[in-house]
Every structure is written in structure tokens, then in C-alpha cells.
Amino acid sequence: MIVTLKDNNVESFNLSEVRSIKFGNETMVLNRLDGTRRTWKISEINNYSFDLISSIGKVENVSSDELSVFPNPTTDRVTIKYKSISSGPISIEIYDSNGRLINILFRENHNEVTEVYWNAKGSNSVPAGKYLIMVVTTNSLLTKSIIVK
């Protein structure tokens, strides 16, 4: 992610290190996976963009079937399947519509196919609404939204 400020300073962030980006009435907040946070006043920002080539360092072909979520919408159990020819550490996380982390479903090494399940109405049930499933790898950040009824 690249943030250009009105004073012509430029700040860049590797997307694989970003947990969330939140917008308030007067602020934009970037939360990193390491727990650090960067906050700007909206009035300080000239532009922001997601430049995958400069933030990731290489271009990967991302097909629509790399991350599948079903059934969607759901009333209870969801299957989340991530496919990739790459291997390495990944994290599969659930966020609510306010950008709050709800659950970390998987944080281990991935080899070709990783399939996990989320019970949206289990012991840690969530209210009906829209949620974001995020897969964070060394080289990419993939998201899909899901509706819980």
C-alpha cells in the first residue's frame, strides 16, 4: 500500500504485513500483523493506492478459484478452501464489517490445498451480517466476503 501525503511525503507498506485498514470520521488507521499501528488524519492524505508490484515484489497470477468459501450465504458451518502452487506459512482469519478480528482459523504452513471450517453459529457464534475472510501469505493477501444469516 502506498500513502501519499499532502506534504509530498510517501509511505509504503508491504500488504503481507497488513492486518487491517480502517477509516474513521477523521482518520485512516493501518494495523500491522506485528501489532504496530500507523494513523493519519484524512486531511493529511493526498492519495492512497494498492500497488501490488511494489508492495509484494513480484507478480503472481491470482485465479478466482484460489480462495473459495461455501455455502455463501450461510447459517452455520462454512468451508474455506485455499489453493495455490506455492507453499509456506499462511494465516486464514475472519473479520467483522468494522475490521475487528473475530477468529484466526489457521496459522500454519500451507501445501497446495488448505481446507478449514468455520462454525459461525457455534460456541463463539457471531450475529447475522457481512464478514470478511482473509488469507495472508508471504506474497499475497486474498479476501472474500461472506454473509451470515
Protein backbone atom coordinates (compact mmCIF):
# COMPACT_ATOMS: atom_id res chain seq x y z
CA MET A 1 0.00 0.00 0.00
CA ILE A 2 1.28 3.47 -0.85
CA VAL A 3 0.10 6.56 1.05
CA THR A 4 0.95 9.95 -0.47
CA LEU A 5 0.62 12.83 1.97
CA LYS A 6 -0.20 16.42 1.12
CA ASP A 7 3.33 17.47 2.17
CA ASN A 8 4.59 15.18 -0.68
CA ASN A 9 6.00 12.56 1.71
CA VAL A 10 5.28 8.99 0.60
CA GLU A 11 4.90 5.99 2.92
CA SER A 12 4.71 2.41 1.64
CA PHE A 13 3.66 -0.80 3.38
CA ASN A 14 4.03 -4.44 2.33
CA LEU A 15 0.49 -5.83 2.09
CA SER A 16 1.57 -9.19 3.50
CA GLU A 17 2.33 -7.36 6.77
CA VAL A 18 -1.03 -5.51 6.99
CA ARG A 19 -3.78 -6.87 9.25
CA SER A 20 -6.41 -4.22 8.51
CA ILE A 21 -7.09 -0.70 7.27
CA LYS A 22 -9.86 1.25 8.97
CA PHE A 23 -11.43 4.60 8.17
CA GLY A 24 -12.97 6.77 10.87
CA ASN A 25 -14.65 10.15 10.56
CA GLU A 26 -11.34 11.99 10.56
CA THR A 27 -8.69 9.25 10.39
CA MET A 28 -7.27 6.32 8.44
CA VAL A 29 -5.63 3.60 10.57
CA LEU A 30 -3.33 0.87 9.26
CA ASN A 31 -2.85 -2.08 11.66
CA ARG A 32 0.13 -4.36 11.01
CA LEU A 33 0.39 -8.06 11.81
CA ASP A 34 3.19 -7.30 14.29
CA GLY A 35 0.73 -5.24 16.37
CA THR A 36 2.03 -1.79 15.40
CA ARG A 37 -0.31 0.86 14.06
CA ARG A 38 0.01 3.92 11.80
CA THR A 39 -2.68 6.61 11.98
CA TRP A 40 -3.18 9.59 9.66
CA LYS A 41 -5.66 12.43 9.69
CA ILE A 42 -7.73 12.29 6.50
CA SER A 43 -6.84 15.94 5.91
CA GLU A 44 -3.12 14.95 5.69
CA ILE A 45 -3.64 12.38 2.91
CA ASN A 46 -3.41 13.32 -0.74
CA ASN A 47 -3.88 9.78 -2.10
CA TYR A 48 -3.53 6.11 -1.22
CA SER A 49 -3.21 3.12 -3.54
CA PHE A 50 -2.52 -0.58 -3.57
CA ASP A 51 0.47 -1.18 -5.80
CA LEU A 52 0.89 -4.97 -5.79
CA ILE A 53 4.07 -4.97 -7.81
CA SER A 54 6.00 -2.68 -5.46
CA SER A 55 4.47 -3.98 -2.24
CA ILE A 56 4.80 -7.68 -2.95
CA GLY A 57 7.95 -7.61 -5.01
CA LYS A 58 6.76 -9.97 -7.72
CA VAL A 59 3.64 -10.51 -9.79
CA GLU A 60 1.59 -13.65 -9.18
CA ASN A 61 -1.33 -14.80 -11.29
CA VAL A 62 -4.30 -14.98 -8.96
CA SER A 63 -7.21 -17.02 -10.25
CA SER A 64 -10.70 -16.69 -8.86
CA ASP A 65 -10.66 -20.27 -7.59
CA GLU A 66 -7.66 -19.82 -5.26
CA LEU A 67 -9.96 -18.89 -2.39
CA SER A 68 -13.41 -20.44 -2.23
CA VAL A 69 -16.00 -20.01 0.52
CA PHE A 70 -19.19 -22.08 0.64
CA PRO A 71 -22.03 -22.07 1.29
CA ASN A 72 -22.40 -18.33 0.93
CA PRO A 73 -24.64 -17.03 2.42
CA THR A 74 -24.52 -19.39 5.38
CA THR A 75 -26.50 -20.10 8.51
CA ASP A 76 -23.82 -22.10 10.33
CA ARG A 77 -20.79 -24.09 9.05
CA VAL A 78 -18.62 -22.66 6.28
CA THR A 79 -15.92 -24.41 4.25
CA ILE A 80 -12.94 -22.25 3.30
CA LYS A 81 -10.57 -23.70 0.71
CA TYR A 82 -7.34 -22.03 -0.38
CA LYS A 83 -5.44 -23.46 -3.38
CA SER A 84 -2.00 -22.38 -4.51
CA ILE A 85 1.04 -23.88 -6.18
CA SER A 86 3.12 -22.07 -3.55
CA SER A 87 3.89 -23.47 -0.14
CA GLY A 88 4.79 -21.70 3.08
CA PRO A 89 3.21 -20.05 6.10
CA ILE A 90 -0.33 -18.69 5.74
CA SER A 91 -2.98 -17.31 8.04
CA ILE A 92 -6.75 -17.61 7.48
CA GLU A 93 -8.69 -15.05 9.50
CA ILE A 94 -12.28 -13.80 9.92
CA TYR A 95 -13.07 -10.08 10.34
CA ASP A 96 -16.37 -8.33 11.01
CA SER A 97 -17.61 -5.36 8.98
CA ASN A 98 -15.83 -2.96 11.38
CA GLY A 99 -12.44 -4.57 10.72
CA ARG A 100 -12.28 -6.38 14.09
CA LEU A 101 -10.57 -9.74 14.13
CA ILE A 102 -13.19 -12.37 15.00
CA ASN A 103 -11.20 -15.59 14.68
CA ILE A 104 -7.89 -16.98 13.43
CA LEU A 105 -8.84 -20.28 11.82
CA PHE A 106 -5.44 -21.37 10.55
CA ARG A 107 -1.86 -20.19 11.07
CA GLU A 108 0.47 -22.87 9.76
CA ASN A 109 2.36 -23.98 6.67
CA HIS A 110 0.33 -24.46 3.51
CA ASN A 111 0.98 -27.07 0.79
CA GLU A 112 -1.14 -26.78 -2.40
CA VAL A 113 -4.60 -27.02 -0.74
CA THR A 114 -5.67 -25.91 2.72
CA GLU A 115 -9.25 -26.51 3.79
CA VAL A 116 -10.66 -25.23 7.08
CA TYR A 117 -14.12 -24.89 8.57
CA TRP A 118 -15.73 -22.03 10.46
CA ASN A 119 -18.80 -22.61 12.57
CA ALA A 120 -20.39 -19.15 12.52
CA LYS A 121 -23.14 -20.24 14.92
CA GLY A 122 -21.02 -22.47 17.21
CA SER A 123 -19.83 -21.76 20.75
CA ASN A 124 -18.39 -18.41 19.62
CA SER A 125 -21.35 -17.54 17.41
CA VAL A 126 -21.49 -14.26 15.54
CA PRO A 127 -24.56 -12.13 14.78
CA ALA A 128 -26.05 -12.10 11.31
CA GLY A 129 -24.13 -9.80 8.96
CA LYS A 130 -21.30 -9.48 6.48
CA TYR A 131 -17.85 -10.84 7.34
CA LEU A 132 -14.50 -10.87 5.56
CA ILE A 133 -12.36 -13.97 5.19
CA MET A 134 -8.71 -13.05 4.71
CA VAL A 135 -5.85 -15.32 3.62
CA VAL A 136 -2.45 -13.78 4.29
CA THR A 137 0.59 -15.41 2.68
CA THR A 138 4.18 -14.32 2.27
CA ASN A 139 3.36 -12.89 -1.17
CA SER A 140 -0.32 -12.03 -1.19
CA LEU A 141 -3.44 -11.00 0.63
CA LEU A 142 -6.70 -12.57 -0.59
CA THR A 143 -10.16 -11.75 0.70
CA LYS A 144 -13.72 -12.92 0.19
CA SER A 145 -16.83 -11.67 1.91
CA ILE A 146 -19.43 -13.95 3.44
CA ILE A 147 -22.97 -13.32 4.63
CA VAL A 148 -24.08 -14.97 7.87
CA LYS A 149 -27.86 -15.21 8.17
